[in-house]
Amino acid sequence: MTDLSSFFTPETVILDFPAPRKGAALRKLSQVLAETGVGQAKVLEDALQRREILCSTGLEEGVAVPHVLLPGLGKTSLIFLRLRDAVDWRSADGLPVRLVFALAGPAEDPAAHLQLLSRLTRLLREPDFRARMIEASSSEAVASAFRLNEGE
């Protein structure tokens, strides 16, 4: 089982990104996902946008987890984008979102995707964990918070 902490590097953690709305955040997430080698930015952005049209990925307490499965992706990538200012995400609780985790993986392995998504959302339900994400000053701090909580 892959540790969630292993996904977080200086390239996959963007802190205090100035997105004026959800679309700008999804565009940035798509660009960063593409830079990890998971797929093409435009294809990823279109897929993330379509996913949001179907049903918002905004959870509760200022968290969103946009996620997609696409055929032919060579690997799974997970990105963390902390927004400088919270934006409307049509979340379940109506609160704006500041913590965004994007997950993209191959459609050929939906079980692994769902397992990662489940583990991630379980951690994000914890108020102390969300506080560590808000306070994190580096990708190492993000990875460390995941290591600490995954070890529990």
N, C-alpha and C. Protein backbone atom coordinates (compact mmCIF):
# COMPACT_ATOMS: atom_id res chain seq x y z
N MET A 1 0.85 -1.18 0.00
CA MET A 1 0.00 0.00 0.00
C MET A 1 0.89 1.24 0.00
N THR A 2 0.64 2.15 -0.91
CA THR A 2 1.42 3.37 -1.05
C THR A 2 1.10 4.34 0.08
N ASP A 3 2.13 4.88 0.71
CA ASP A 3 1.93 5.92 1.71
C ASP A 3 1.50 7.20 1.01
N LEU A 4 0.47 7.84 1.52
CA LEU A 4 0.03 9.11 0.95
C LEU A 4 1.16 10.14 1.01
N SER A 5 1.96 10.09 2.05
CA SER A 5 3.05 11.08 2.22
C SER A 5 4.02 11.06 1.05
N SER A 6 4.15 9.92 0.38
CA SER A 6 5.12 9.80 -0.71
C SER A 6 4.74 10.64 -1.94
N PHE A 7 3.51 11.07 -2.02
CA PHE A 7 3.07 11.89 -3.15
C PHE A 7 3.51 13.35 -3.04
N PHE A 8 3.84 13.78 -1.82
CA PHE A 8 4.04 15.21 -1.59
C PHE A 8 5.51 15.61 -1.64
N THR A 9 5.82 16.40 -2.67
CA THR A 9 7.17 16.90 -2.93
C THR A 9 7.06 18.41 -3.20
N PRO A 10 8.18 19.10 -3.33
CA PRO A 10 8.08 20.52 -3.68
C PRO A 10 7.32 20.77 -4.98
N GLU A 11 7.30 19.79 -5.89
CA GLU A 11 6.60 19.95 -7.16
C GLU A 11 5.10 19.71 -7.06
N THR A 12 4.66 18.98 -6.04
CA THR A 12 3.25 18.60 -5.94
C THR A 12 2.50 19.30 -4.81
N VAL A 13 3.16 20.22 -4.16
CA VAL A 13 2.53 21.00 -3.09
C VAL A 13 2.63 22.48 -3.47
N ILE A 14 1.48 23.12 -3.59
CA ILE A 14 1.45 24.54 -3.92
C ILE A 14 0.74 25.24 -2.77
N LEU A 15 1.46 26.11 -2.10
CA LEU A 15 0.92 26.78 -0.92
C LEU A 15 0.53 28.22 -1.25
N ASP A 16 -0.66 28.59 -0.81
CA ASP A 16 -1.18 29.96 -0.91
C ASP A 16 -1.31 30.45 -2.35
N PHE A 17 -1.87 29.59 -3.19
CA PHE A 17 -2.11 29.94 -4.58
C PHE A 17 -3.26 30.95 -4.68
N PRO A 18 -3.08 32.02 -5.46
CA PRO A 18 -4.10 33.07 -5.54
C PRO A 18 -5.17 32.80 -6.62
N ALA A 19 -6.06 31.86 -6.36
CA ALA A 19 -7.12 31.54 -7.32
C ALA A 19 -8.37 32.35 -6.98
N PRO A 20 -8.88 33.14 -7.93
CA PRO A 20 -10.08 33.92 -7.63
C PRO A 20 -11.36 33.08 -7.61
N ARG A 21 -11.32 31.89 -8.25
CA ARG A 21 -12.49 31.01 -8.26
C ARG A 21 -12.05 29.57 -8.56
N LYS A 22 -13.02 28.67 -8.45
CA LYS A 22 -12.74 27.24 -8.60
C LYS A 22 -12.07 26.91 -9.93
N GLY A 23 -12.51 27.50 -11.03
CA GLY A 23 -11.94 27.19 -12.35
C GLY A 23 -10.44 27.45 -12.41
N ALA A 24 -9.99 28.52 -11.80
CA ALA A 24 -8.55 28.83 -11.79
C ALA A 24 -7.79 27.79 -10.97
N ALA A 25 -8.38 27.34 -9.88
CA ALA A 25 -7.73 26.30 -9.06
C ALA A 25 -7.64 24.99 -9.84
N LEU A 26 -8.72 24.61 -10.53
CA LEU A 26 -8.70 23.38 -11.32
C LEU A 26 -7.68 23.46 -12.45
N ARG A 27 -7.54 24.62 -13.06
CA ARG A 27 -6.54 24.81 -14.13
C ARG A 27 -5.13 24.59 -13.57
N LYS A 28 -4.85 25.19 -12.42
CA LYS A 28 -3.52 25.03 -11.80
C LYS A 28 -3.27 23.57 -11.42
N LEU A 29 -4.27 22.93 -10.83
CA LEU A 29 -4.12 21.52 -10.47
C LEU A 29 -3.81 20.67 -11.71
N SER A 30 -4.50 20.94 -12.81
CA SER A 30 -4.28 20.20 -14.05
C SER A 30 -2.86 20.38 -14.57
N GLN A 31 -2.37 21.62 -14.49
CA GLN A 31 -1.00 21.90 -14.94
C GLN A 31 0.01 21.14 -14.09
N VAL A 32 -0.19 21.15 -12.79
CA VAL A 32 0.76 20.47 -11.90
C VAL A 32 0.67 18.96 -12.08
N LEU A 33 -0.55 18.44 -12.21
CA LEU A 33 -0.69 17.00 -12.49
C LEU A 33 0.05 16.63 -13.77
N ALA A 34 -0.10 17.44 -14.82
CA ALA A 34 0.59 17.17 -16.08
C ALA A 34 2.10 17.19 -15.90
N GLU A 35 2.59 18.09 -15.08
CA GLU A 35 4.03 18.18 -14.83
C GLU A 35 4.57 16.95 -14.12
N THR A 36 3.70 16.21 -13.42
CA THR A 36 4.15 14.96 -12.77
C THR A 36 4.23 13.82 -13.78
N GLY A 37 3.75 14.06 -15.00
CA GLY A 37 3.81 13.03 -16.02
C GLY A 37 2.58 12.14 -16.09
N VAL A 38 1.52 12.53 -15.40
CA VAL A 38 0.33 11.69 -15.36
C VAL A 38 -0.54 11.83 -16.61
N GLY A 39 -0.47 12.94 -17.30
CA GLY A 39 -1.28 13.14 -18.49
C GLY A 39 -1.12 14.56 -19.02
N GLN A 40 -1.94 14.91 -20.01
CA GLN A 40 -1.89 16.25 -20.61
C GLN A 40 -2.78 17.21 -19.83
N ALA A 41 -2.29 18.43 -19.63
CA ALA A 41 -3.00 19.41 -18.80
C ALA A 41 -4.43 19.65 -19.28
N LYS A 42 -4.63 19.85 -20.58
CA LYS A 42 -5.97 20.16 -21.10
C LYS A 42 -6.93 18.99 -20.89
N VAL A 43 -6.45 17.79 -21.11
CA VAL A 43 -7.29 16.60 -20.90
C VAL A 43 -7.67 16.48 -19.42
N LEU A 44 -6.70 16.71 -18.55
CA LEU A 44 -6.96 16.64 -17.11
C LEU A 44 -7.93 17.73 -16.67
N GLU A 45 -7.71 18.95 -17.17
CA GLU A 45 -8.60 20.05 -16.79
C GLU A 45 -10.04 19.77 -17.25
N ASP A 46 -10.19 19.31 -18.49
CA ASP A 46 -11.52 19.00 -19.00
C ASP A 46 -12.19 17.92 -18.14
N ALA A 47 -11.44 16.90 -17.77
CA ALA A 47 -11.99 15.81 -16.95
C ALA A 47 -12.37 16.32 -15.56
N LEU A 48 -11.53 17.14 -14.96
CA LEU A 48 -11.85 17.69 -13.64
C LEU A 48 -13.08 18.60 -13.71
N GLN A 49 -13.17 19.40 -14.76
CA GLN A 49 -14.34 20.28 -14.93
C GLN A 49 -15.62 19.44 -15.11
N ARG A 50 -15.54 18.39 -15.93
CA ARG A 50 -16.71 17.52 -16.12
C ARG A 50 -17.13 16.87 -14.80
N ARG A 51 -16.14 16.47 -14.02
CA ARG A 51 -16.44 15.85 -12.71
C ARG A 51 -17.18 16.84 -11.82
N GLU A 52 -16.77 18.09 -11.83
CA GLU A 52 -17.42 19.11 -11.00
C GLU A 52 -18.85 19.38 -11.47
N ILE A 53 -19.09 19.28 -12.77
CA ILE A 53 -20.44 19.49 -13.30
C ILE A 53 -21.37 18.37 -12.81
N LEU A 54 -20.85 17.15 -12.80
CA LEU A 54 -21.65 16.01 -12.33
C LEU A 54 -22.04 16.17 -10.87
N CYS A 55 -21.06 16.51 -10.05
CA CYS A 55 -21.28 16.67 -8.61
C CYS A 55 -20.05 17.34 -8.02
N SER A 56 -20.26 18.36 -7.23
CA SER A 56 -19.14 19.08 -6.63
C SER A 56 -18.29 18.15 -5.78
N THR A 57 -17.00 18.35 -5.85
CA THR A 57 -16.07 17.57 -5.02
C THR A 57 -15.74 18.31 -3.73
N GLY A 58 -16.45 19.42 -3.48
CA GLY A 58 -16.29 20.13 -2.22
C GLY A 58 -16.92 19.30 -1.12
N LEU A 59 -16.14 18.98 -0.10
CA LEU A 59 -16.64 18.16 0.99
C LEU A 59 -17.23 19.08 2.06
N GLU A 60 -16.58 19.15 3.18
CA GLU A 60 -16.99 20.03 4.27
C GLU A 60 -15.76 20.64 4.90
N GLU A 61 -16.01 21.66 5.71
CA GLU A 61 -14.93 22.28 6.49
C GLU A 61 -13.82 22.85 5.64
N GLY A 62 -14.15 23.40 4.45
CA GLY A 62 -13.15 24.08 3.63
C GLY A 62 -12.25 23.16 2.82
N VAL A 63 -12.72 21.95 2.53
CA VAL A 63 -11.91 20.95 1.82
C VAL A 63 -12.61 20.51 0.54
N ALA A 64 -11.83 20.36 -0.53
CA ALA A 64 -12.32 19.77 -1.77
C ALA A 64 -11.32 18.71 -2.24
N VAL A 65 -11.85 17.66 -2.86
CA VAL A 65 -11.00 16.59 -3.39
C VAL A 65 -11.43 16.25 -4.81
N PRO A 66 -11.10 17.10 -5.77
CA PRO A 66 -11.39 16.75 -7.16
C PRO A 66 -10.59 15.51 -7.56
N HIS A 67 -11.25 14.60 -8.25
CA HIS A 67 -10.58 13.35 -8.61
C HIS A 67 -11.14 12.81 -9.92
N VAL A 68 -10.26 12.19 -10.69
CA VAL A 68 -10.65 11.62 -11.98
C VAL A 68 -9.90 10.33 -12.24
N LEU A 69 -10.57 9.47 -12.97
CA LEU A 69 -9.96 8.28 -13.54
C LEU A 69 -10.01 8.44 -15.05
N LEU A 70 -8.86 8.26 -15.70
CA LEU A 70 -8.80 8.41 -17.15
C LEU A 70 -8.08 7.21 -17.76
N PRO A 71 -8.56 6.72 -18.88
CA PRO A 71 -7.90 5.59 -19.54
C PRO A 71 -6.48 5.98 -19.97
N GLY A 72 -5.58 5.03 -19.79
CA GLY A 72 -4.23 5.20 -20.30
C GLY A 72 -3.27 6.00 -19.44
N LEU A 73 -3.72 6.52 -18.31
CA LEU A 73 -2.77 7.23 -17.44
C LEU A 73 -1.75 6.23 -16.93
N GLY A 74 -0.49 6.61 -16.98
CA GLY A 74 0.57 5.69 -16.60
C GLY A 74 0.75 5.48 -15.11
N LYS A 75 0.20 6.40 -14.32
CA LYS A 75 0.37 6.31 -12.88
C LYS A 75 -0.69 7.14 -12.19
N THR A 76 -0.68 7.11 -10.88
CA THR A 76 -1.57 7.92 -10.06
C THR A 76 -0.77 9.08 -9.50
N SER A 77 -1.39 10.26 -9.49
CA SER A 77 -0.76 11.44 -8.88
C SER A 77 -1.74 12.09 -7.92
N LEU A 78 -1.18 12.67 -6.88
CA LEU A 78 -1.95 13.39 -5.88
C LEU A 78 -1.26 14.73 -5.65
N ILE A 79 -2.03 15.81 -5.74
CA ILE A 79 -1.52 17.18 -5.64
C ILE A 79 -2.22 17.87 -4.49
N PHE A 80 -1.50 18.71 -3.75
CA PHE A 80 -2.12 19.55 -2.72
C PHE A 80 -1.97 21.01 -3.12
N LEU A 81 -3.10 21.70 -3.16
CA LEU A 81 -3.14 23.12 -3.48
C LEU A 81 -3.84 23.82 -2.32
N ARG A 82 -3.09 24.61 -1.57
CA ARG A 82 -3.71 25.43 -0.53
C ARG A 82 -3.95 26.80 -1.13
N LEU A 83 -5.19 27.21 -1.13
CA LEU A 83 -5.55 28.50 -1.71
C LEU A 83 -5.25 29.63 -0.72
N ARG A 84 -4.79 30.75 -1.26
CA ARG A 84 -4.51 31.92 -0.42
C ARG A 84 -5.80 32.39 0.25
N ASP A 85 -6.86 32.44 -0.54
CA ASP A 85 -8.18 32.84 -0.04
C ASP A 85 -9.17 31.75 -0.41
N ALA A 86 -10.08 31.47 0.50
CA ALA A 86 -11.09 30.45 0.24
C ALA A 86 -11.99 30.86 -0.92
N VAL A 87 -12.40 29.87 -1.73
CA VAL A 87 -13.29 30.12 -2.87
C VAL A 87 -14.52 29.23 -2.78
N ASP A 88 -15.59 29.68 -3.42
CA ASP A 88 -16.82 28.89 -3.46
C ASP A 88 -16.58 27.63 -4.29
N TRP A 89 -16.96 26.48 -3.75
CA TRP A 89 -16.76 25.20 -4.43
C TRP A 89 -18.07 24.42 -4.49
N ARG A 90 -19.18 25.08 -4.09
CA ARG A 90 -20.47 24.39 -3.99
C ARG A 90 -20.35 23.16 -3.09
N SER A 91 -19.71 23.38 -1.95
CA SER A 91 -19.46 22.29 -1.00
C SER A 91 -20.74 21.84 -0.31
N ALA A 92 -20.68 20.64 0.23
CA ALA A 92 -21.84 20.05 0.90
C ALA A 92 -22.33 20.92 2.05
N ASP A 93 -21.42 21.58 2.77
CA ASP A 93 -21.82 22.41 3.91
C ASP A 93 -21.95 23.89 3.55
N GLY A 94 -21.73 24.24 2.28
CA GLY A 94 -21.86 25.62 1.84
C GLY A 94 -20.66 26.50 2.16
N LEU A 95 -19.66 25.97 2.86
CA LEU A 95 -18.48 26.76 3.21
C LEU A 95 -17.52 26.85 2.02
N PRO A 96 -16.84 27.97 1.88
CA PRO A 96 -15.82 28.07 0.82
C PRO A 96 -14.63 27.16 1.14
N VAL A 97 -13.86 26.86 0.11
CA VAL A 97 -12.77 25.89 0.20
C VAL A 97 -11.42 26.59 0.16
N ARG A 98 -10.51 26.09 0.99
CA ARG A 98 -9.12 26.57 0.95
C ARG A 98 -8.13 25.41 0.74
N LEU A 99 -8.49 24.22 1.14
CA LEU A 99 -7.62 23.05 1.01
C LEU A 99 -8.14 22.16 -0.12
N VAL A 100 -7.31 21.99 -1.16
CA VAL A 100 -7.73 21.22 -2.33
C VAL A 100 -6.69 20.13 -2.60
N PHE A 101 -7.15 18.90 -2.64
CA PHE A 101 -6.31 17.75 -2.99
C PHE A 101 -6.86 17.17 -4.27
N ALA A 102 -6.06 17.08 -5.31
CA ALA A 102 -6.50 16.52 -6.59
C ALA A 102 -5.84 15.17 -6.80
N LEU A 103 -6.66 14.21 -7.18
CA LEU A 103 -6.20 12.84 -7.41
C LEU A 103 -6.56 12.45 -8.83
N ALA A 104 -5.58 11.98 -9.59
CA ALA A 104 -5.80 11.49 -10.95
C ALA A 104 -5.13 10.13 -11.08
N GLY A 105 -5.87 9.19 -11.64
CA GLY A 105 -5.30 7.86 -11.78
C GLY A 105 -5.84 7.14 -13.01
N PRO A 106 -5.23 6.00 -13.33
CA PRO A 106 -5.66 5.24 -14.51
C PRO A 106 -7.02 4.56 -14.30
N ALA A 107 -7.89 4.68 -15.29
CA ALA A 107 -9.21 4.06 -15.22
C ALA A 107 -9.10 2.54 -15.11
N GLU A 108 -7.97 2.01 -15.51
CA GLU A 108 -7.76 0.56 -15.47
C GLU A 108 -7.57 0.04 -14.04
N ASP A 109 -7.40 0.93 -13.06
CA ASP A 109 -7.19 0.50 -11.67
C ASP A 109 -8.07 1.31 -10.71
N PRO A 110 -9.40 1.18 -10.85
CA PRO A 110 -10.29 1.97 -10.00
C PRO A 110 -10.20 1.61 -8.51
N ALA A 111 -9.86 0.37 -8.20
CA ALA A 111 -9.79 -0.04 -6.79
C ALA A 111 -8.69 0.72 -6.06
N ALA A 112 -7.53 0.88 -6.68
CA ALA A 112 -6.44 1.63 -6.05
C ALA A 112 -6.82 3.09 -5.86
N HIS A 113 -7.50 3.65 -6.86
CA HIS A 113 -7.95 5.04 -6.81
C HIS A 113 -8.91 5.23 -5.63
N LEU A 114 -9.88 4.35 -5.51
CA LEU A 114 -10.86 4.46 -4.43
C LEU A 114 -10.22 4.26 -3.06
N GLN A 115 -9.24 3.39 -2.99
CA GLN A 115 -8.54 3.18 -1.72
C GLN A 115 -7.80 4.44 -1.29
N LEU A 116 -7.08 5.06 -2.22
CA LEU A 116 -6.38 6.32 -1.90
C LEU A 116 -7.37 7.41 -1.53
N LEU A 117 -8.44 7.52 -2.27
CA LEU A 117 -9.46 8.54 -2.00
C LEU A 117 -10.07 8.34 -0.61
N SER A 118 -10.35 7.12 -0.27
CA SER A 118 -10.92 6.81 1.04
C SER A 118 -9.95 7.17 2.17
N ARG A 119 -8.70 6.80 2.02
CA ARG A 119 -7.70 7.11 3.05
C ARG A 119 -7.53 8.63 3.20
N LEU A 120 -7.51 9.33 2.07
CA LEU A 120 -7.33 10.77 2.10
C LEU A 120 -8.52 11.45 2.78
N THR A 121 -9.73 11.09 2.40
CA THR A 121 -10.89 11.75 2.98
C THR A 121 -11.04 11.43 4.47
N ARG A 122 -10.62 10.25 4.89
CA ARG A 122 -10.66 9.91 6.32
C ARG A 122 -9.77 10.87 7.10
N LEU A 123 -8.57 11.12 6.59
CA LEU A 123 -7.65 12.05 7.27
C LEU A 123 -8.21 13.47 7.28
N LEU A 124 -8.82 13.87 6.18
CA LEU A 124 -9.30 15.24 6.06
C LEU A 124 -10.52 15.53 6.93
N ARG A 125 -11.13 14.50 7.48
CA ARG A 125 -12.23 14.70 8.43
C ARG A 125 -11.73 15.15 9.80
N GLU A 126 -10.44 14.96 10.06
CA GLU A 126 -9.86 15.27 11.37
C GLU A 126 -9.51 16.75 11.47
N PRO A 127 -10.11 17.49 12.42
CA PRO A 127 -9.82 18.93 12.56
C PRO A 127 -8.33 19.23 12.77
N ASP A 128 -7.64 18.42 13.56
CA ASP A 128 -6.20 18.66 13.80
C ASP A 128 -5.40 18.49 12.52
N PHE A 129 -5.77 17.52 11.70
CA PHE A 129 -5.06 17.31 10.45
C PHE A 129 -5.28 18.49 9.50
N ARG A 130 -6.53 18.94 9.37
CA ARG A 130 -6.80 20.10 8.53
C ARG A 130 -6.03 21.33 9.01
N ALA A 131 -5.93 21.49 10.32
CA ALA A 131 -5.16 22.63 10.87
C ALA A 131 -3.70 22.53 10.46
N ARG A 132 -3.14 21.32 10.47
CA ARG A 132 -1.74 21.16 10.04
C ARG A 132 -1.57 21.52 8.56
N MET A 133 -2.58 21.23 7.75
CA MET A 133 -2.50 21.60 6.33
C MET A 133 -2.57 23.12 6.16
N ILE A 134 -3.38 23.78 6.95
CA ILE A 134 -3.47 25.25 6.89
C ILE A 134 -2.16 25.89 7.34
N GLU A 135 -1.51 25.29 8.33
CA GLU A 135 -0.30 25.87 8.92
C GLU A 135 0.98 25.44 8.21
N ALA A 136 0.93 24.44 7.36
CA ALA A 136 2.14 23.90 6.73
C ALA A 136 2.90 24.99 5.98
N SER A 137 4.21 24.99 6.16
CA SER A 137 5.04 26.01 5.51
C SER A 137 5.87 25.44 4.36
N SER A 138 5.76 24.12 4.11
CA SER A 138 6.56 23.49 3.06
C SER A 138 5.95 22.15 2.69
N SER A 139 6.44 21.61 1.58
CA SER A 139 5.99 20.28 1.16
C SER A 139 6.41 19.23 2.19
N GLU A 140 7.55 19.43 2.81
CA GLU A 140 7.99 18.49 3.84
C GLU A 140 7.05 18.50 5.04
N ALA A 141 6.55 19.67 5.41
CA ALA A 141 5.59 19.75 6.52
C ALA A 141 4.30 19.02 6.17
N VAL A 142 3.87 19.12 4.91
CA VAL A 142 2.68 18.41 4.45
C VAL A 142 2.92 16.90 4.52
N ALA A 143 4.03 16.45 3.95
CA ALA A 143 4.36 15.02 3.96
C ALA A 143 4.50 14.51 5.39
N SER A 144 5.10 15.29 6.26
CA SER A 144 5.27 14.91 7.66
C SER A 144 3.94 14.73 8.36
N ALA A 145 2.99 15.62 8.09
CA ALA A 145 1.66 15.50 8.69
C ALA A 145 0.99 14.20 8.24
N PHE A 146 1.16 13.86 6.97
CA PHE A 146 0.59 12.60 6.47
C PHE A 146 1.27 11.42 7.13
N ARG A 147 2.60 11.45 7.23
CA ARG A 147 3.31 10.33 7.88
C ARG A 147 2.83 10.15 9.32
N LEU A 148 2.71 11.25 10.04
CA LEU A 148 2.28 11.21 11.43
C LEU A 148 0.88 10.60 11.54
N ASN A 149 -0.04 11.04 10.72
CA ASN A 149 -1.41 10.55 10.83
C ASN A 149 -1.62 9.18 10.24
N GLU A 150 -0.84 8.81 9.22
CA GLU A 150 -0.98 7.47 8.65
C GLU A 150 -0.43 6.42 9.61
N GLY A 151 0.49 6.83 10.47
CA GLY A 151 1.09 5.91 11.43
C GLY A 151 0.19 5.59 12.61
N GLU A 152 -0.89 6.36 12.76
CA GLU A 152 -1.78 6.15 13.92
C GLU A 152 -2.62 4.93 13.75
